[in-house]
Amino acid sequence: MGSSSIRLRTIGSLPEGVEEDITQSAEESYGVIGDPEPWVEVRVIDTLANLKSLWDADKQRAGVTDSAEEGFLSFYDAWEDFPRITLCWQRLAPLDQLLREGVLRHEAAHSRLHNRREYYKFSLPDEVVTAAGQRGFTRDIFSVMLYLVSIAVKDMEATALLVRHGFLNCQEALSLYQLQVEEEEIAWKLIREQPAGRMLYFAAQLKPILFALPLINRLPAPDRLRNQLQALTNHLPSAYRQKLFELAQKIESQLHQSTHQKVSQTFHFLLSTF
């Protein structure tokens, strides 16, 4: 594809060559996975401060409240009914080249799969909503759970697309980055006695786990990734850990369904498992 399908926009002062490198990597990605529709806007921002200002304005304009972007390496949205990738050079510059490629290719996959506003609007069957209410989950808890489930499902779909097209090494690098163990054990200790807190915790853990699963069976040497998956959940009681992985595998088996079907099914699975 030509760069005419990529609408590059830069904000702030960027080192020489950054724009060209990002454009080239994006074109290589789309040349393999297919063109974005109707186009893709790629925004490259110099600093985290400028990123926050831009992202806050984006959310306010789109009326978005559920968007836990803190700590993400990059951002993708279709809030304005076209695909948009947002990159911050201050965040990407310290990463090695393979991981940076993994980040951009991951967002390119989202722009192929989740290119309309409809991929941010999810509804659930009445019986699922009723079941959540009977468990004592408030509307706010319900909303956060649905958001966490939706981003986990969409990440799984993006990884699966890239894996099918042979982008293994860069996605393994990104998956390993996302599986870094930081404060999971502390967070678990704080919420483990709270039913709503536990449910939100398990929903949040689905994102890095579902990202990794499509890779596991395709990597020639998956042990490092498999071991990191285990490390992420080692602090959980064995029964919870087993349920979480069984749940993730059940969700991955639904890859043939539409995104909205998978989100609905995953929410149902989550409620029925925990």
C-alpha atoms as a PDB file:
ATOM      1  CA  MET A   1       0.000   0.000   0.000  1.00  0.00           C
ATOM      2  CA  GLY A   2       1.067   3.582  -0.401  1.00  0.00           C
ATOM      3  CA  SER A   3       1.501   6.095   2.364  1.00  0.00           C
ATOM      4  CA  SER A   4      -1.679   7.844   1.121  1.00  0.00           C
ATOM      5  CA  SER A   5      -3.608   5.392   3.350  1.00  0.00           C
ATOM      6  CA  ILE A   6      -1.625   6.612   6.363  1.00  0.00           C
ATOM      7  CA  ARG A   7      -2.401  10.118   7.543  1.00  0.00           C
ATOM      8  CA  LEU A   8       0.611  10.959   9.673  1.00  0.00           C
ATOM      9  CA  ARG A   9       0.339  13.802  12.149  1.00  0.00           C
ATOM     10  CA  THR A  10       3.154  14.921  14.431  1.00  0.00           C
ATOM     11  CA  ILE A  11       2.838  16.995  17.576  1.00  0.00           C
ATOM     12  CA  GLY A  12       5.854  18.635  19.197  1.00  0.00           C
ATOM     13  CA  SER A  13       9.520  18.178  18.398  1.00  0.00           C
ATOM     14  CA  LEU A  14      10.644  14.728  17.240  1.00  0.00           C
ATOM     15  CA  PRO A  15      14.171  13.470  16.446  1.00  0.00           C
ATOM     16  CA  GLU A  16      15.132  13.270  12.798  1.00  0.00           C
ATOM     17  CA  GLY A  17      14.070  10.045  11.132  1.00  0.00           C
ATOM     18  CA  VAL A  18      11.273   9.104  13.562  1.00  0.00           C
ATOM     19  CA  GLU A  19       8.460   9.984  11.151  1.00  0.00           C
ATOM     20  CA  GLU A  20      10.055   8.015   8.324  1.00  0.00           C
ATOM     21  CA  ASP A  21      10.690   4.954  10.503  1.00  0.00           C
ATOM     22  CA  ILE A  22       7.116   4.857  11.795  1.00  0.00           C
ATOM     23  CA  THR A  23       5.640   5.332   8.329  1.00  0.00           C
ATOM     24  CA  GLN A  24       7.832   2.575   6.900  1.00  0.00           C
ATOM     25  CA  SER A  25       6.927   0.149   9.689  1.00  0.00           C
ATOM     26  CA  ALA A  26       3.224   0.919   9.284  1.00  0.00           C
ATOM     27  CA  GLU A  27       3.377   0.402   5.514  1.00  0.00           C
ATOM     28  CA  GLU A  28       5.176  -2.915   6.006  1.00  0.00           C
ATOM     29  CA  SER A  29       2.484  -4.044   8.445  1.00  0.00           C
ATOM     30  CA  TYR A  30      -0.420  -3.119   6.193  1.00  0.00           C
ATOM     31  CA  GLY A  31       1.336  -4.633   3.203  1.00  0.00           C
ATOM     32  CA  VAL A  32       0.995  -7.989   4.971  1.00  0.00           C
ATOM     33  CA  ILE A  33      -2.243  -7.785   6.970  1.00  0.00           C
ATOM     34  CA  GLY A  34      -4.186  -5.625   4.497  1.00  0.00           C
ATOM     35  CA  ASP A  35      -5.037  -1.957   4.123  1.00  0.00           C
ATOM     36  CA  PRO A  36      -6.753   0.029   6.867  1.00  0.00           C
ATOM     37  CA  GLU A  37     -10.272   1.181   6.044  1.00  0.00           C
ATOM     38  CA  PRO A  38     -11.100   3.868   5.199  1.00  0.00           C
ATOM     39  CA  TRP A  39      -7.624   5.112   6.218  1.00  0.00           C
ATOM     40  CA  VAL A  40      -5.608   5.315   9.419  1.00  0.00           C
ATOM     41  CA  GLU A  41      -4.505   8.424  11.245  1.00  0.00           C
ATOM     42  CA  VAL A  42      -1.176   7.921  12.992  1.00  0.00           C
ATOM     43  CA  ARG A  43      -0.344  10.591  15.550  1.00  0.00           C
ATOM     44  CA  VAL A  44       3.190  10.816  16.928  1.00  0.00           C
ATOM     45  CA  ILE A  45       3.583  13.027  19.994  1.00  0.00           C
ATOM     46  CA  ASP A  46       6.856  14.102  21.533  1.00  0.00           C
ATOM     47  CA  THR A  47       6.215  14.122  25.309  1.00  0.00           C
ATOM     48  CA  LEU A  48       3.969  12.480  27.879  1.00  0.00           C
ATOM     49  CA  ALA A  49       2.695  15.908  28.917  1.00  0.00           C
ATOM     50  CA  ASN A  50       1.519  16.666  25.383  1.00  0.00           C
ATOM     51  CA  LEU A  51       0.074  13.167  25.114  1.00  0.00           C
ATOM     52  CA  LYS A  52      -2.031  13.647  28.238  1.00  0.00           C
ATOM     53  CA  SER A  53      -3.415  16.967  26.997  1.00  0.00           C
ATOM     54  CA  LEU A  54      -4.325  15.485  23.631  1.00  0.00           C
ATOM     55  CA  TRP A  55      -5.811  12.279  25.050  1.00  0.00           C
ATOM     56  CA  ASP A  56      -7.895  14.130  27.629  1.00  0.00           C
ATOM     57  CA  ALA A  57      -9.279  16.347  24.866  1.00  0.00           C
ATOM     58  CA  ASP A  58     -10.014  13.286  22.700  1.00  0.00           C
ATOM     59  CA  LYS A  59     -11.955  11.618  25.493  1.00  0.00           C
ATOM     60  CA  GLN A  60     -13.924  14.731  26.333  1.00  0.00           C
ATOM     61  CA  ARG A  61     -14.863  15.287  22.698  1.00  0.00           C
ATOM     62  CA  ALA A  62     -15.915  11.639  22.253  1.00  0.00           C
ATOM     63  CA  GLY A  63     -17.703  11.444  25.604  1.00  0.00           C
ATOM     64  CA  VAL A  64     -15.499   8.534  26.683  1.00  0.00           C
ATOM     65  CA  THR A  65     -15.181   7.722  30.379  1.00  0.00           C
ATOM     66  CA  ASP A  66     -13.920   4.101  30.401  1.00  0.00           C
ATOM     67  CA  SER A  67     -10.383   4.343  29.068  1.00  0.00           C
ATOM     68  CA  ALA A  68      -7.649   3.208  31.447  1.00  0.00           C
ATOM     69  CA  GLU A  69      -4.746   4.244  29.251  1.00  0.00           C
ATOM     70  CA  GLU A  70      -2.302   4.910  32.099  1.00  0.00           C
ATOM     71  CA  GLY A  71       0.870   2.916  31.501  1.00  0.00           C
ATOM     72  CA  PHE A  72      -0.015   1.762  27.980  1.00  0.00           C
ATOM     73  CA  LEU A  73       2.849   1.981  25.493  1.00  0.00           C
ATOM     74  CA  SER A  74       0.527   3.237  22.769  1.00  0.00           C
ATOM     75  CA  PHE A  75      -3.144   3.953  22.183  1.00  0.00           C
ATOM     76  CA  TYR A  76      -5.682   2.984  19.575  1.00  0.00           C
ATOM     77  CA  ASP A  77      -9.215   4.249  19.098  1.00  0.00           C
ATOM     78  CA  ALA A  78     -11.987   4.593  16.532  1.00  0.00           C
ATOM     79  CA  TRP A  79     -14.067   7.015  18.577  1.00  0.00           C
ATOM     80  CA  GLU A  80     -14.580   9.265  15.536  1.00  0.00           C
ATOM     81  CA  ASP A  81     -15.552   6.329  13.286  1.00  0.00           C
ATOM     82  CA  PHE A  82     -12.149   5.887  11.646  1.00  0.00           C
ATOM     83  CA  PRO A  83      -9.032   4.101  12.926  1.00  0.00           C
ATOM     84  CA  ARG A  84      -6.493   6.180  14.834  1.00  0.00           C
ATOM     85  CA  ILE A  85      -3.152   5.202  16.346  1.00  0.00           C
ATOM     86  CA  THR A  86      -1.514   7.465  18.928  1.00  0.00           C
ATOM     87  CA  LEU A  87       2.178   7.053  19.760  1.00  0.00           C
ATOM     88  CA  CYS A  88       4.295   8.949  22.278  1.00  0.00           C
ATOM     89  CA  TRP A  89       7.988   9.108  21.422  1.00  0.00           C
ATOM     90  CA  GLN A  90       9.036   9.739  25.031  1.00  0.00           C
ATOM     91  CA  ARG A  91       7.445   6.395  25.892  1.00  0.00           C
ATOM     92  CA  LEU A  92       8.714   4.487  22.830  1.00  0.00           C
ATOM     93  CA  ALA A  93      12.268   5.847  22.593  1.00  0.00           C
ATOM     94  CA  PRO A  94      13.718   3.738  25.471  1.00  0.00           C
ATOM     95  CA  LEU A  95      12.393   0.487  23.949  1.00  0.00           C
ATOM     96  CA  ASP A  96      14.437  -1.765  21.711  1.00  0.00           C
ATOM     97  CA  GLN A  97      13.575  -1.886  18.026  1.00  0.00           C
ATOM     98  CA  LEU A  98      11.785  -5.253  18.146  1.00  0.00           C
ATOM     99  CA  LEU A  99       9.458  -4.111  20.928  1.00  0.00           C
ATOM    100  CA  ARG A 100       8.731  -0.827  19.128  1.00  0.00           C
ATOM    101  CA  GLU A 101       7.827  -2.809  16.013  1.00  0.00           C
ATOM    102  CA  GLY A 102       5.580  -5.010  18.128  1.00  0.00           C
ATOM    103  CA  VAL A 103       3.760  -1.959  19.476  1.00  0.00           C
ATOM    104  CA  LEU A 104       3.094  -0.430  16.062  1.00  0.00           C
ATOM    105  CA  ARG A 105       2.094  -3.728  14.430  1.00  0.00           C
ATOM    106  CA  HIS A 106      -0.299  -4.432  17.299  1.00  0.00           C
ATOM    107  CA  GLU A 107      -2.024  -1.094  16.783  1.00  0.00           C
ATOM    108  CA  ALA A 108      -2.050  -1.653  13.014  1.00  0.00           C
ATOM    109  CA  ALA A 109      -3.903  -4.908  13.637  1.00  0.00           C
ATOM    110  CA  HIS A 110      -6.501  -3.048  15.700  1.00  0.00           C
ATOM    111  CA  SER A 111      -6.955  -0.576  12.861  1.00  0.00           C
ATOM    112  CA  ARG A 112      -7.760  -3.461  10.497  1.00  0.00           C
ATOM    113  CA  LEU A 113     -10.141  -5.204  12.892  1.00  0.00           C
ATOM    114  CA  HIS A 114     -11.739  -2.487  15.024  1.00  0.00           C
ATOM    115  CA  ASN A 115     -12.024   0.461  12.684  1.00  0.00           C
ATOM    116  CA  ARG A 116     -15.455   1.827  13.615  1.00  0.00           C
ATOM    117  CA  ARG A 117     -17.147   3.379  16.627  1.00  0.00           C
ATOM    118  CA  GLU A 118     -19.281   0.248  16.970  1.00  0.00           C
ATOM    119  CA  TYR A 119     -16.276  -1.554  18.477  1.00  0.00           C
ATOM    120  CA  TYR A 120     -16.609   0.691  21.531  1.00  0.00           C
ATOM    121  CA  LYS A 121     -20.315   0.076  22.050  1.00  0.00           C
ATOM    122  CA  PHE A 122     -21.199  -3.203  23.707  1.00  0.00           C
ATOM    123  CA  SER A 123     -24.440  -4.408  25.178  1.00  0.00           C
ATOM    124  CA  LEU A 124     -25.165  -7.617  27.025  1.00  0.00           C
ATOM    125  CA  PRO A 125     -28.201  -9.922  27.149  1.00  0.00           C
ATOM    126  CA  ASP A 126     -30.721  -9.062  29.843  1.00  0.00           C
ATOM    127  CA  GLU A 127     -30.028 -12.294  31.713  1.00  0.00           C
ATOM    128  CA  VAL A 128     -26.329 -11.426  32.009  1.00  0.00           C
ATOM    129  CA  VAL A 129     -27.128  -7.931  33.293  1.00  0.00           C
ATOM    130  CA  THR A 130     -29.605  -9.429  35.777  1.00  0.00           C
ATOM    131  CA  ALA A 131     -27.050 -11.981  36.972  1.00  0.00           C
ATOM    132  CA  ALA A 132     -24.481  -9.229  37.562  1.00  0.00           C
ATOM    133  CA  GLY A 133     -27.028  -7.221  39.548  1.00  0.00           C
ATOM    134  CA  GLN A 134     -27.902 -10.235  41.661  1.00  0.00           C
ATOM    135  CA  ARG A 135     -24.223 -10.538  42.535  1.00  0.00           C
ATOM    136  CA  GLY A 136     -24.345  -6.994  43.919  1.00  0.00           C
ATOM    137  CA  PHE A 137     -22.346  -5.338  41.168  1.00  0.00           C
ATOM    138  CA  THR A 138     -23.250  -1.679  40.767  1.00  0.00           C
ATOM    139  CA  ARG A 139     -23.643   0.038  37.398  1.00  0.00           C
ATOM    140  CA  ASP A 140     -20.129   1.517  37.771  1.00  0.00           C
ATOM    141  CA  ILE A 141     -18.591  -1.894  38.508  1.00  0.00           C
ATOM    142  CA  PHE A 142     -20.536  -3.406  35.628  1.00  0.00           C
ATOM    143  CA  SER A 143     -19.267  -0.692  33.270  1.00  0.00           C
ATOM    144  CA  VAL A 144     -15.618  -1.197  34.248  1.00  0.00           C
ATOM    145  CA  MET A 145     -15.938  -4.977  33.922  1.00  0.00           C
ATOM    146  CA  LEU A 146     -17.383  -4.616  30.423  1.00  0.00           C
ATOM    147  CA  TYR A 147     -14.591  -2.243  29.430  1.00  0.00           C
ATOM    148  CA  LEU A 148     -11.890  -4.608  30.731  1.00  0.00           C
ATOM    149  CA  VAL A 149     -13.457  -7.587  28.979  1.00  0.00           C
ATOM    150  CA  SER A 150     -13.763  -5.695  25.694  1.00  0.00           C
ATOM    151  CA  ILE A 151     -10.125  -4.574  25.569  1.00  0.00           C
ATOM    152  CA  ALA A 152      -8.957  -8.096  26.456  1.00  0.00           C
ATOM    153  CA  VAL A 153     -11.012  -9.619  23.648  1.00  0.00           C
ATOM    154  CA  LYS A 154      -9.870  -7.048  21.101  1.00  0.00           C
ATOM    155  CA  ASP A 155      -6.228  -7.560  22.061  1.00  0.00           C
ATOM    156  CA  MET A 156      -6.647 -11.309  21.571  1.00  0.00           C
ATOM    157  CA  GLU A 157      -8.100 -10.690  18.120  1.00  0.00           C
ATOM    158  CA  ALA A 158      -5.227  -8.370  17.188  1.00  0.00           C
ATOM    159  CA  THR A 159      -2.616 -10.908  18.288  1.00  0.00           C
ATOM    160  CA  ALA A 160      -4.376 -13.723  16.425  1.00  0.00           C
ATOM    161  CA  LEU A 161      -4.386 -11.673  13.199  1.00  0.00           C
ATOM    162  CA  LEU A 162      -0.675 -10.903  13.463  1.00  0.00           C
ATOM    163  CA  VAL A 163       0.189 -14.498  14.349  1.00  0.00           C
ATOM    164  CA  ARG A 164      -1.669 -15.744  11.270  1.00  0.00           C
ATOM    165  CA  HIS A 165       0.513 -13.467   9.159  1.00  0.00           C
ATOM    166  CA  GLY A 166       3.784 -14.553  10.747  1.00  0.00           C
ATOM    167  CA  PHE A 167       4.534 -11.609  13.056  1.00  0.00           C
ATOM    168  CA  LEU A 168       5.722 -13.777  15.928  1.00  0.00           C
ATOM    169  CA  ASN A 169       8.931 -12.336  17.354  1.00  0.00           C
ATOM    170  CA  CYS A 170       7.738  -8.760  17.744  1.00  0.00           C
ATOM    171  CA  GLN A 171       4.469  -9.891  19.322  1.00  0.00           C
ATOM    172  CA  GLU A 172       6.315 -12.193  21.703  1.00  0.00           C
ATOM    173  CA  ALA A 173       8.432  -9.201  22.769  1.00  0.00           C
ATOM    174  CA  LEU A 174       5.303  -7.128  23.363  1.00  0.00           C
ATOM    175  CA  SER A 175       3.557  -9.951  25.199  1.00  0.00           C
ATOM    176  CA  LEU A 176       6.540 -10.479  27.509  1.00  0.00           C
ATOM    177  CA  TYR A 177       6.563  -6.753  28.239  1.00  0.00           C
ATOM    178  CA  GLN A 178       2.879  -6.830  29.157  1.00  0.00           C
ATOM    179  CA  LEU A 179       3.391  -9.866  31.383  1.00  0.00           C
ATOM    180  CA  GLN A 180       5.975  -8.180  33.587  1.00  0.00           C
ATOM    181  CA  VAL A 181       5.134  -8.819  37.222  1.00  0.00           C
ATOM    182  CA  GLU A 182       4.988  -5.544  39.118  1.00  0.00           C
ATOM    183  CA  GLU A 183       2.340  -4.918  41.771  1.00  0.00           C
ATOM    184  CA  GLU A 184      -0.119  -7.744  41.077  1.00  0.00           C
ATOM    185  CA  GLU A 185       0.447  -9.433  44.426  1.00  0.00           C
ATOM    186  CA  ILE A 186      -0.036  -6.183  46.345  1.00  0.00           C
ATOM    187  CA  ALA A 187      -3.222  -5.404  44.414  1.00  0.00           C
ATOM    188  CA  TRP A 188      -4.548  -8.895  45.043  1.00  0.00           C
ATOM    189  CA  LYS A 189      -3.986  -8.644  48.790  1.00  0.00           C
ATOM    190  CA  LEU A 190      -5.921  -5.373  48.873  1.00  0.00           C
ATOM    191  CA  ILE A 191      -9.022  -6.682  47.082  1.00  0.00           C
ATOM    192  CA  ARG A 192      -9.118 -10.439  47.621  1.00  0.00           C
ATOM    193  CA  GLU A 193     -11.825 -10.219  50.290  1.00  0.00           C
ATOM    194  CA  GLN A 194     -14.075  -8.028  48.143  1.00  0.00           C
ATOM    195  CA  PRO A 195     -16.269  -9.879  45.582  1.00  0.00           C
ATOM    196  CA  ALA A 196     -16.439  -6.909  43.206  1.00  0.00           C
ATOM    197  CA  GLY A 197     -12.721  -6.239  43.596  1.00  0.00           C
ATOM    198  CA  ARG A 198     -11.863  -9.869  42.851  1.00  0.00           C
ATOM    199  CA  MET A 199     -14.013  -9.820  39.725  1.00  0.00           C
ATOM    200  CA  LEU A 200     -12.398  -6.623  38.448  1.00  0.00           C
ATOM    201  CA  TYR A 201      -8.968  -8.086  39.177  1.00  0.00           C
ATOM    202  CA  PHE A 202      -9.670 -11.243  37.163  1.00  0.00           C
ATOM    203  CA  ALA A 203     -11.138  -9.183  34.309  1.00  0.00           C
ATOM    204  CA  ALA A 204      -7.982  -7.046  34.230  1.00  0.00           C
ATOM    205  CA  GLN A 205      -5.725 -10.117  34.157  1.00  0.00           C
ATOM    206  CA  LEU A 206      -7.493 -11.379  31.045  1.00  0.00           C
ATOM    207  CA  LYS A 207      -5.857  -8.681  28.913  1.00  0.00           C
ATOM    208  CA  PRO A 208      -2.209  -9.850  29.120  1.00  0.00           C
ATOM    209  CA  ILE A 209      -3.239 -13.522  29.227  1.00  0.00           C
ATOM    210  CA  LEU A 210      -5.486 -13.380  26.162  1.00  0.00           C
ATOM    211  CA  PHE A 211      -2.842 -11.340  24.340  1.00  0.00           C
ATOM    212  CA  ALA A 212      -0.369 -14.176  24.861  1.00  0.00           C
ATOM    213  CA  LEU A 213      -2.512 -17.222  24.160  1.00  0.00           C
ATOM    214  CA  PRO A 214      -2.606 -17.034  20.334  1.00  0.00           C
ATOM    215  CA  LEU A 215       1.200 -16.943  20.399  1.00  0.00           C
ATOM    216  CA  ILE A 216       1.754 -19.954  22.644  1.00  0.00           C
ATOM    217  CA  ASN A 217       0.906 -22.615  20.063  1.00  0.00           C
ATOM    218  CA  ARG A 218       2.723 -20.883  17.205  1.00  0.00           C
ATOM    219  CA  LEU A 219       6.074 -19.971  18.727  1.00  0.00           C
ATOM    220  CA  PRO A 220       8.835 -22.495  18.019  1.00  0.00           C
ATOM    221  CA  ALA A 221      10.076 -22.030  21.606  1.00  0.00           C
ATOM    222  CA  PRO A 222       7.190 -20.819  23.795  1.00  0.00           C
ATOM    223  CA  ASP A 223       8.636 -21.752  27.200  1.00  0.00           C
ATOM    224  CA  ARG A 224       9.722 -18.225  28.106  1.00  0.00           C
ATOM    225  CA  LEU A 225       6.264 -16.858  27.391  1.00  0.00           C
ATOM    226  CA  ARG A 226       4.556 -19.755  29.159  1.00  0.00           C
ATOM    227  CA  ASN A 227       6.768 -19.277  32.235  1.00  0.00           C
ATOM    228  CA  GLN A 228       6.013 -15.551  32.325  1.00  0.00           C
ATOM    229  CA  LEU A 229       2.287 -16.295  32.188  1.00  0.00           C
ATOM    230  CA  GLN A 230       2.716 -18.495  35.252  1.00  0.00           C
ATOM    231  CA  ALA A 231       4.772 -15.859  37.046  1.00  0.00           C
ATOM    232  CA  LEU A 232       2.019 -13.300  36.518  1.00  0.00           C
ATOM    233  CA  THR A 233      -0.447 -15.406  38.502  1.00  0.00           C
ATOM    234  CA  ASN A 234       1.803 -17.235  40.991  1.00  0.00           C
ATOM    235  CA  HIS A 235       0.457 -15.141  43.866  1.00  0.00           C
ATOM    236  CA  LEU A 236      -3.100 -16.408  43.333  1.00  0.00           C
ATOM    237  CA  PRO A 237      -4.501 -19.439  45.155  1.00  0.00           C
ATOM    238  CA  SER A 238      -4.118 -22.455  42.875  1.00  0.00           C
ATOM    239  CA  ALA A 239      -7.877 -22.873  42.392  1.00  0.00           C
ATOM    240  CA  TYR A 240      -8.258 -19.279  41.162  1.00  0.00           C
ATOM    241  CA  ARG A 241      -5.176 -19.566  38.945  1.00  0.00           C
ATOM    242  CA  GLN A 242      -6.477 -22.735  37.319  1.00  0.00           C
ATOM    243  CA  LYS A 243      -9.922 -21.201  36.764  1.00  0.00           C
ATOM    244  CA  LEU A 244      -8.403 -18.086  35.221  1.00  0.00           C
ATOM    245  CA  PHE A 245      -6.360 -20.035  32.679  1.00  0.00           C
ATOM    246  CA  GLU A 246      -9.240 -22.368  31.875  1.00  0.00           C
ATOM    247  CA  LEU A 247     -11.439 -19.319  31.348  1.00  0.00           C
ATOM    248  CA  ALA A 248      -8.888 -17.730  29.006  1.00  0.00           C
ATOM    249  CA  GLN A 249      -8.564 -20.917  26.969  1.00  0.00           C
ATOM    250  CA  LYS A 250     -12.345 -21.157  26.689  1.00  0.00           C
ATOM    251  CA  ILE A 251     -12.484 -17.575  25.432  1.00  0.00           C
ATOM    252  CA  GLU A 252      -9.743 -18.200  22.876  1.00  0.00           C
ATOM    253  CA  SER A 253     -11.715 -21.146  21.511  1.00  0.00           C
ATOM    254  CA  GLN A 254     -14.437 -18.650  20.492  1.00  0.00           C
ATOM    255  CA  LEU A 255     -12.188 -16.848  17.974  1.00  0.00           C
ATOM    256  CA  HIS A 256     -14.564 -17.696  15.119  1.00  0.00           C
ATOM    257  CA  GLN A 257     -17.273 -15.473  16.640  1.00  0.00           C
ATOM    258  CA  SER A 258     -17.705 -11.756  16.022  1.00  0.00           C
ATOM    259  CA  THR A 259     -16.091  -9.282  18.410  1.00  0.00           C
ATOM    260  CA  HIS A 260     -19.423  -8.414  19.995  1.00  0.00           C
ATOM    261  CA  GLN A 261     -20.345 -12.071  20.437  1.00  0.00           C
ATOM    262  CA  LYS A 262     -16.984 -12.781  22.057  1.00  0.00           C
ATOM    263  CA  VAL A 263     -17.325  -9.866  24.476  1.00  0.00           C
ATOM    264  CA  SER A 264     -20.796 -10.985  25.519  1.00  0.00           C
ATOM    265  CA  GLN A 265     -19.697 -14.606  25.892  1.00  0.00           C
ATOM    266  CA  THR A 266     -16.574 -13.631  27.820  1.00  0.00           C
ATOM    267  CA  PHE A 267     -18.567 -11.521  30.282  1.00  0.00           C
ATOM    268  CA  HIS A 268     -20.919 -14.469  30.808  1.00  0.00           C
ATOM    269  CA  PHE A 269     -17.977 -16.863  31.280  1.00  0.00           C
ATOM    270  CA  LEU A 270     -16.381 -14.478  33.775  1.00  0.00           C
ATOM    271  CA  LEU A 271     -19.518 -14.285  35.897  1.00  0.00           C
ATOM    272  CA  SER A 272     -20.116 -18.023  35.808  1.00  0.00           C
ATOM    273  CA  THR A 273     -16.476 -18.891  36.593  1.00  0.00           C
ATOM    274  CA  PHE A 274     -15.899 -16.609  39.570  1.00  0.00           C
END
